Amino acid sequence: IPVVFSAITDPVGAKLAATMDNPGGNKTGITNMQPFDKQIELIRLIKPNVKKVGIIINSSEANCVAGMVYVRKALEAFQIPYEEMNASTSVEIITSAQSLATRCDVFFISPSNTIYENMGALKKEAEKKGIMVLGGDQSAVLKYGSVGTYTYDFVEMGVNTAELAIKILDQKLNPGNIAVSRPANTYLYFNMESAKELGLTVPDSLLNKAVK
């Protein structure tokens, strides 16, 4: 019986796939690993003179460890200096944010559930120093004031998953030979109020692509 999974951040780490390209067995599906390369590129486009990016991670979360592999690659590709600090509690996040704020001018939202649960505290510390917060999902931008992000539509992700399952059944395909994929589309969001507070100008070329 084919197994099709959905919204799994790290299918390999979760032992649902041998590799992303060749999951093996009777399993394949869709990962919700954020498009970190596009998110990091936004830093260069919105704040081209960025000095250093601060990132608070939680090394005890498998999804954070897996996602940070892609985040680091993207930062290095765009030649953006960065510094990480580990935190696993609300108090540690605040302390880490205060420390990073003395050396960094951008906070990037790592793929950590702990960070998402404490977005309000992170944003509050960033505001004290006029630091841009960037990345995350749709709620990070619209609810918590991240300046911008590229992310997925999770309803659409469900549709993509169903389409994959139908394809496997209709064409009698072996799931293990089908590479794990990401959702078909990414969506760009901005919080213009946050950008204005920081005196940032978002290029029209980006605004024209953003979800209105």
C-alpha atoms as a PDB file:
ATOM      1  CA  ILE A   1       0.000   0.000   0.000  1.00  0.00           C
ATOM      2  CA  PRO A   2       1.571   3.337  -1.030  1.00  0.00           C
ATOM      3  CA  VAL A   3       2.258   5.790   1.779  1.00  0.00           C
ATOM      4  CA  VAL A   4       2.131   9.505   0.919  1.00  0.00           C
ATOM      5  CA  PHE A   5       3.151  11.911   3.680  1.00  0.00           C
ATOM      6  CA  SER A   6       2.621  15.659   3.859  1.00  0.00           C
ATOM      7  CA  ALA A   7       4.093  18.660   5.711  1.00  0.00           C
ATOM      8  CA  ILE A   8       7.047  16.686   7.075  1.00  0.00           C
ATOM      9  CA  THR A   9       9.976  19.041   7.632  1.00  0.00           C
ATOM     10  CA  ASP A  10      12.711  16.394   7.591  1.00  0.00           C
ATOM     11  CA  PRO A  11      11.498  13.119   6.033  1.00  0.00           C
ATOM     12  CA  VAL A  12      14.991  11.605   6.178  1.00  0.00           C
ATOM     13  CA  GLY A  13      15.450  12.433   9.847  1.00  0.00           C
ATOM     14  CA  ALA A  14      11.953  11.115  10.561  1.00  0.00           C
ATOM     15  CA  LYS A  15      12.978   7.873   8.803  1.00  0.00           C
ATOM     16  CA  LEU A  16      10.206   8.246   6.247  1.00  0.00           C
ATOM     17  CA  ALA A  17      12.691   8.472   3.380  1.00  0.00           C
ATOM     18  CA  ALA A  18      16.159   7.062   2.765  1.00  0.00           C
ATOM     19  CA  THR A  19      17.064  10.203   0.804  1.00  0.00           C
ATOM     20  CA  MET A  20      15.075  13.127  -0.571  1.00  0.00           C
ATOM     21  CA  ASP A  21      15.733  12.058  -4.176  1.00  0.00           C
ATOM     22  CA  ASN A  22      15.054   8.363  -3.647  1.00  0.00           C
ATOM     23  CA  PRO A  23      12.850   7.821  -0.596  1.00  0.00           C
ATOM     24  CA  GLY A  24      12.809   4.031  -1.095  1.00  0.00           C
ATOM     25  CA  GLY A  25      10.315   1.451   0.075  1.00  0.00           C
ATOM     26  CA  ASN A  26       6.699   2.392  -0.616  1.00  0.00           C
ATOM     27  CA  LYS A  27       6.881   5.980   0.667  1.00  0.00           C
ATOM     28  CA  THR A  28       7.104   9.483  -0.740  1.00  0.00           C
ATOM     29  CA  GLY A  29       5.442  12.813  -0.151  1.00  0.00           C
ATOM     30  CA  ILE A  30       5.822  16.535   0.347  1.00  0.00           C
ATOM     31  CA  THR A  31       8.090  18.400   2.740  1.00  0.00           C
ATOM     32  CA  ASN A  32       7.210  21.739   4.274  1.00  0.00           C
ATOM     33  CA  MET A  33      10.876  22.726   4.634  1.00  0.00           C
ATOM     34  CA  GLN A  34      10.695  26.490   4.172  1.00  0.00           C
ATOM     35  CA  PRO A  35      12.293  28.112   1.078  1.00  0.00           C
ATOM     36  CA  PHE A  36      15.199  29.425   3.133  1.00  0.00           C
ATOM     37  CA  ASP A  37      17.230  30.431   0.088  1.00  0.00           C
ATOM     38  CA  LYS A  38      14.505  32.853  -0.962  1.00  0.00           C
ATOM     39  CA  GLN A  39      14.052  34.140   2.587  1.00  0.00           C
ATOM     40  CA  ILE A  40      17.771  34.841   2.968  1.00  0.00           C
ATOM     41  CA  GLU A  41      17.859  36.573  -0.417  1.00  0.00           C
ATOM     42  CA  LEU A  42      15.253  38.999   0.939  1.00  0.00           C
ATOM     43  CA  ILE A  43      17.792  40.193   3.491  1.00  0.00           C
ATOM     44  CA  ARG A  44      20.151  41.248   0.697  1.00  0.00           C
ATOM     45  CA  LEU A  45      17.348  42.872  -1.283  1.00  0.00           C
ATOM     46  CA  ILE A  46      15.782  44.798   1.604  1.00  0.00           C
ATOM     47  CA  LYS A  47      18.900  45.544   3.659  1.00  0.00           C
ATOM     48  CA  PRO A  48      21.843  45.286   1.222  1.00  0.00           C
ATOM     49  CA  ASN A  49      24.267  46.745   3.775  1.00  0.00           C
ATOM     50  CA  VAL A  50      23.482  44.084   6.407  1.00  0.00           C
ATOM     51  CA  LYS A  51      26.362  43.657   8.872  1.00  0.00           C
ATOM     52  CA  LYS A  52      25.490  40.439  10.676  1.00  0.00           C
ATOM     53  CA  VAL A  53      22.430  38.199  11.026  1.00  0.00           C
ATOM     54  CA  GLY A  54      21.553  36.828  14.453  1.00  0.00           C
ATOM     55  CA  ILE A  55      19.779  33.469  14.663  1.00  0.00           C
ATOM     56  CA  ILE A  56      18.400  31.821  17.784  1.00  0.00           C
ATOM     57  CA  ILE A  57      18.137  28.062  17.358  1.00  0.00           C
ATOM     58  CA  ASN A  58      17.049  25.101  19.460  1.00  0.00           C
ATOM     59  CA  SER A  59      19.493  22.267  18.856  1.00  0.00           C
ATOM     60  CA  SER A  60      17.185  19.795  20.590  1.00  0.00           C
ATOM     61  CA  GLU A  61      14.548  20.152  17.847  1.00  0.00           C
ATOM     62  CA  ALA A  62      15.190  17.838  14.887  1.00  0.00           C
ATOM     63  CA  ASN A  63      13.294  20.122  12.507  1.00  0.00           C
ATOM     64  CA  CYS A  64      15.457  23.087  13.530  1.00  0.00           C
ATOM     65  CA  VAL A  65      18.687  21.135  13.089  1.00  0.00           C
ATOM     66  CA  ALA A  66      17.586  19.962   9.625  1.00  0.00           C
ATOM     67  CA  GLY A  67      16.395  23.387   8.522  1.00  0.00           C
ATOM     68  CA  MET A  68      19.505  25.200   9.689  1.00  0.00           C
ATOM     69  CA  VAL A  69      21.584  23.185   7.225  1.00  0.00           C
ATOM     70  CA  TYR A  70      19.775  25.031   4.418  1.00  0.00           C
ATOM     71  CA  VAL A  71      19.814  28.374   6.241  1.00  0.00           C
ATOM     72  CA  ARG A  72      23.603  28.280   6.668  1.00  0.00           C
ATOM     73  CA  LYS A  73      24.140  27.311   3.033  1.00  0.00           C
ATOM     74  CA  ALA A  74      21.996  30.236   1.895  1.00  0.00           C
ATOM     75  CA  LEU A  75      23.745  32.728   4.175  1.00  0.00           C
ATOM     76  CA  GLU A  76      27.123  31.572   2.935  1.00  0.00           C
ATOM     77  CA  ALA A  77      25.977  31.698  -0.691  1.00  0.00           C
ATOM     78  CA  PHE A  78      24.910  35.340  -0.258  1.00  0.00           C
ATOM     79  CA  GLN A  79      28.064  36.053   1.782  1.00  0.00           C
ATOM     80  CA  ILE A  80      26.137  37.300   4.799  1.00  0.00           C
ATOM     81  CA  PRO A  81      27.920  37.024   8.176  1.00  0.00           C
ATOM     82  CA  TYR A  82      25.846  35.375  10.883  1.00  0.00           C
ATOM     83  CA  GLU A  83      25.934  34.263  14.489  1.00  0.00           C
ATOM     84  CA  GLU A  84      23.873  31.573  16.190  1.00  0.00           C
ATOM     85  CA  MET A  85      22.865  31.158  19.810  1.00  0.00           C
ATOM     86  CA  ASN A  86      21.119  28.151  21.281  1.00  0.00           C
ATOM     87  CA  ALA A  87      18.004  28.543  23.451  1.00  0.00           C
ATOM     88  CA  SER A  88      15.350  26.108  24.628  1.00  0.00           C
ATOM     89  CA  THR A  89      13.224  28.237  26.979  1.00  0.00           C
ATOM     90  CA  SER A  90      11.498  31.619  26.885  1.00  0.00           C
ATOM     91  CA  VAL A  91      14.035  33.119  29.293  1.00  0.00           C
ATOM     92  CA  GLU A  92      16.955  31.823  27.233  1.00  0.00           C
ATOM     93  CA  ILE A  93      15.438  33.270  24.046  1.00  0.00           C
ATOM     94  CA  ILE A  94      15.185  36.720  25.604  1.00  0.00           C
ATOM     95  CA  THR A  95      18.740  36.521  26.954  1.00  0.00           C
ATOM     96  CA  SER A  96      20.047  35.315  23.571  1.00  0.00           C
ATOM     97  CA  ALA A  97      18.180  38.046  21.713  1.00  0.00           C
ATOM     98  CA  GLN A  98      19.619  40.706  24.027  1.00  0.00           C
ATOM     99  CA  SER A  99      23.124  39.365  23.470  1.00  0.00           C
ATOM    100  CA  LEU A 100      22.788  39.107  19.685  1.00  0.00           C
ATOM    101  CA  ALA A 101      21.281  42.599  19.521  1.00  0.00           C
ATOM    102  CA  THR A 102      24.656  44.057  20.545  1.00  0.00           C
ATOM    103  CA  ARG A 103      26.347  42.553  17.475  1.00  0.00           C
ATOM    104  CA  CYS A 104      23.650  42.002  14.813  1.00  0.00           C
ATOM    105  CA  ASP A 105      21.364  44.248  12.788  1.00  0.00           C
ATOM    106  CA  VAL A 106      19.003  41.511  11.537  1.00  0.00           C
ATOM    107  CA  PHE A 107      17.262  38.651  13.344  1.00  0.00           C
ATOM    108  CA  PHE A 108      16.374  35.670  11.147  1.00  0.00           C
ATOM    109  CA  ILE A 109      13.598  33.370  12.349  1.00  0.00           C
ATOM    110  CA  SER A 110      14.956  29.847  12.589  1.00  0.00           C
ATOM    111  CA  PRO A 111      12.764  26.768  11.978  1.00  0.00           C
ATOM    112  CA  SER A 112      12.300  26.202  15.697  1.00  0.00           C
ATOM    113  CA  ASN A 113       8.928  25.624  17.341  1.00  0.00           C
ATOM    114  CA  THR A 114      10.303  27.267  20.480  1.00  0.00           C
ATOM    115  CA  ILE A 115      11.063  30.436  18.533  1.00  0.00           C
ATOM    116  CA  TYR A 116       7.597  30.516  16.987  1.00  0.00           C
ATOM    117  CA  GLU A 117       6.056  30.142  20.433  1.00  0.00           C
ATOM    118  CA  ASN A 118       8.053  33.175  21.612  1.00  0.00           C
ATOM    119  CA  MET A 119       7.879  35.416  18.555  1.00  0.00           C
ATOM    120  CA  GLY A 120       6.379  38.248  20.587  1.00  0.00           C
ATOM    121  CA  ALA A 121       9.361  38.300  22.947  1.00  0.00           C
ATOM    122  CA  LEU A 122      11.847  38.146  20.069  1.00  0.00           C
ATOM    123  CA  LYS A 123      10.151  41.041  18.268  1.00  0.00           C
ATOM    124  CA  LYS A 124      10.077  43.101  21.477  1.00  0.00           C
ATOM    125  CA  GLU A 125      13.835  42.760  21.937  1.00  0.00           C
ATOM    126  CA  ALA A 126      14.410  43.585  18.255  1.00  0.00           C
ATOM    127  CA  GLU A 127      12.327  46.755  18.529  1.00  0.00           C
ATOM    128  CA  LYS A 128      14.481  48.051  21.392  1.00  0.00           C
ATOM    129  CA  LYS A 129      17.500  48.186  19.071  1.00  0.00           C
ATOM    130  CA  GLY A 130      15.767  48.879  15.752  1.00  0.00           C
ATOM    131  CA  ILE A 131      16.664  45.434  14.427  1.00  0.00           C
ATOM    132  CA  MET A 132      14.901  43.979  11.401  1.00  0.00           C
ATOM    133  CA  VAL A 133      13.213  40.611  11.968  1.00  0.00           C
ATOM    134  CA  LEU A 134      12.805  38.561   8.807  1.00  0.00           C
ATOM    135  CA  GLY A 135      11.595  35.119   7.770  1.00  0.00           C
ATOM    136  CA  GLY A 136       9.144  32.678   9.268  1.00  0.00           C
ATOM    137  CA  ASP A 137       5.717  31.711   8.006  1.00  0.00           C
ATOM    138  CA  GLN A 138       2.724  33.872   7.103  1.00  0.00           C
ATOM    139  CA  SER A 139       1.726  34.426  10.744  1.00  0.00           C
ATOM    140  CA  ALA A 140       5.261  35.608  11.613  1.00  0.00           C
ATOM    141  CA  VAL A 141       4.791  38.464   9.135  1.00  0.00           C
ATOM    142  CA  LEU A 142       1.134  39.340   9.527  1.00  0.00           C
ATOM    143  CA  LYS A 143       0.802  38.737  13.278  1.00  0.00           C
ATOM    144  CA  TYR A 144       4.251  39.240  14.780  1.00  0.00           C
ATOM    145  CA  GLY A 145       5.823  41.860  12.530  1.00  0.00           C
ATOM    146  CA  SER A 146       8.503  40.017  10.605  1.00  0.00           C
ATOM    147  CA  VAL A 147       9.280  42.414   7.747  1.00  0.00           C
ATOM    148  CA  GLY A 148       8.873  39.771   5.060  1.00  0.00           C
ATOM    149  CA  THR A 149       9.073  36.142   4.075  1.00  0.00           C
ATOM    150  CA  TYR A 150       8.563  33.581   1.355  1.00  0.00           C
ATOM    151  CA  THR A 151       6.423  30.675   2.516  1.00  0.00           C
ATOM    152  CA  TYR A 152       3.827  28.110   1.481  1.00  0.00           C
ATOM    153  CA  ASP A 153       0.054  27.918   1.533  1.00  0.00           C
ATOM    154  CA  PHE A 154      -0.709  24.869   3.671  1.00  0.00           C
ATOM    155  CA  VAL A 155      -4.150  24.332   2.143  1.00  0.00           C
ATOM    156  CA  GLU A 156      -2.503  24.235  -1.269  1.00  0.00           C
ATOM    157  CA  MET A 157       0.085  21.843   0.154  1.00  0.00           C
ATOM    158  CA  GLY A 158      -2.754  19.479   1.056  1.00  0.00           C
ATOM    159  CA  VAL A 159      -4.084  19.705  -2.495  1.00  0.00           C
ATOM    160  CA  ASN A 160      -0.603  18.970  -3.897  1.00  0.00           C
ATOM    161  CA  THR A 161      -0.393  15.928  -1.633  1.00  0.00           C
ATOM    162  CA  ALA A 162      -3.741  14.636  -2.838  1.00  0.00           C
ATOM    163  CA  GLU A 163      -2.678  15.156  -6.452  1.00  0.00           C
ATOM    164  CA  LEU A 164       0.475  13.128  -5.797  1.00  0.00           C
ATOM    165  CA  ALA A 165      -1.533  10.288  -4.247  1.00  0.00           C
ATOM    166  CA  ILE A 166      -3.924  10.249  -7.217  1.00  0.00           C
ATOM    167  CA  LYS A 167      -1.001  10.167  -9.656  1.00  0.00           C
ATOM    168  CA  ILE A 168       0.564   7.204  -7.855  1.00  0.00           C
ATOM    169  CA  LEU A 169      -2.707   5.265  -7.888  1.00  0.00           C
ATOM    170  CA  ASP A 170      -3.741   6.135 -11.449  1.00  0.00           C
ATOM    171  CA  GLN A 171      -0.346   5.395 -12.987  1.00  0.00           C
ATOM    172  CA  LYS A 172       0.514   2.537 -10.598  1.00  0.00           C
ATOM    173  CA  LEU A 173       3.843   4.159  -9.726  1.00  0.00           C
ATOM    174  CA  ASN A 174       6.351   3.032  -7.117  1.00  0.00           C
ATOM    175  CA  PRO A 175       6.394   5.796  -4.452  1.00  0.00           C
ATOM    176  CA  GLY A 176       9.938   4.904  -3.434  1.00  0.00           C
ATOM    177  CA  ASN A 177      11.216   6.065  -6.821  1.00  0.00           C
ATOM    178  CA  ILE A 178       9.488   9.463  -6.647  1.00  0.00           C
ATOM    179  CA  ALA A 179      11.592  12.236  -5.107  1.00  0.00           C
ATOM    180  CA  VAL A 180      10.205  14.031  -2.075  1.00  0.00           C
ATOM    181  CA  SER A 181       8.931  17.376  -3.331  1.00  0.00           C
ATOM    182  CA  ARG A 182       8.054  20.795  -1.997  1.00  0.00           C
ATOM    183  CA  PRO A 183       4.728  22.585  -2.605  1.00  0.00           C
ATOM    184  CA  ALA A 184       4.316  23.826  -6.166  1.00  0.00           C
ATOM    185  CA  ASN A 185       4.164  27.520  -5.246  1.00  0.00           C
ATOM    186  CA  THR A 186       5.761  29.940  -2.798  1.00  0.00           C
ATOM    187  CA  TYR A 187       4.124  33.160  -1.656  1.00  0.00           C
ATOM    188  CA  LEU A 188       5.750  36.451  -0.686  1.00  0.00           C
ATOM    189  CA  TYR A 189       4.427  38.444   2.270  1.00  0.00           C
ATOM    190  CA  PHE A 190       5.429  41.814   3.692  1.00  0.00           C
ATOM    191  CA  ASN A 191       4.544  43.756   6.815  1.00  0.00           C
ATOM    192  CA  MET A 192       4.861  47.291   5.522  1.00  0.00           C
ATOM    193  CA  GLU A 193       4.182  48.789   8.947  1.00  0.00           C
ATOM    194  CA  SER A 194       7.260  47.031  10.331  1.00  0.00           C
ATOM    195  CA  ALA A 195       9.332  48.138   7.348  1.00  0.00           C
ATOM    196  CA  LYS A 196       8.215  51.744   7.779  1.00  0.00           C
ATOM    197  CA  GLU A 197       9.059  51.728  11.499  1.00  0.00           C
ATOM    198  CA  LEU A 198      12.610  50.683  10.617  1.00  0.00           C
ATOM    199  CA  GLY A 199      12.945  53.166   7.769  1.00  0.00           C
ATOM    200  CA  LEU A 200      13.302  50.362   5.222  1.00  0.00           C
ATOM    201  CA  THR A 201      12.342  50.652   1.567  1.00  0.00           C
ATOM    202  CA  VAL A 202      10.982  47.521  -0.049  1.00  0.00           C
ATOM    203  CA  PRO A 203      11.759  47.547  -3.794  1.00  0.00           C
ATOM    204  CA  ASP A 204       8.746  47.775  -6.111  1.00  0.00           C
ATOM    205  CA  SER A 205      10.003  44.681  -7.891  1.00  0.00           C
ATOM    206  CA  LEU A 206       9.302  42.727  -4.694  1.00  0.00           C
ATOM    207  CA  LEU A 207       6.076  44.494  -3.780  1.00  0.00           C
ATOM    208  CA  ASN A 208       4.649  43.604  -7.181  1.00  0.00           C
ATOM    209  CA  LYS A 209       5.216  39.900  -6.393  1.00  0.00           C
ATOM    210  CA  ALA A 210       3.765  40.026  -2.885  1.00  0.00           C
ATOM    211  CA  VAL A 211       0.383  38.764  -1.764  1.00  0.00           C
ATOM    212  CA  LYS A 212      -1.867  41.803  -1.472  1.00  0.00           C
END
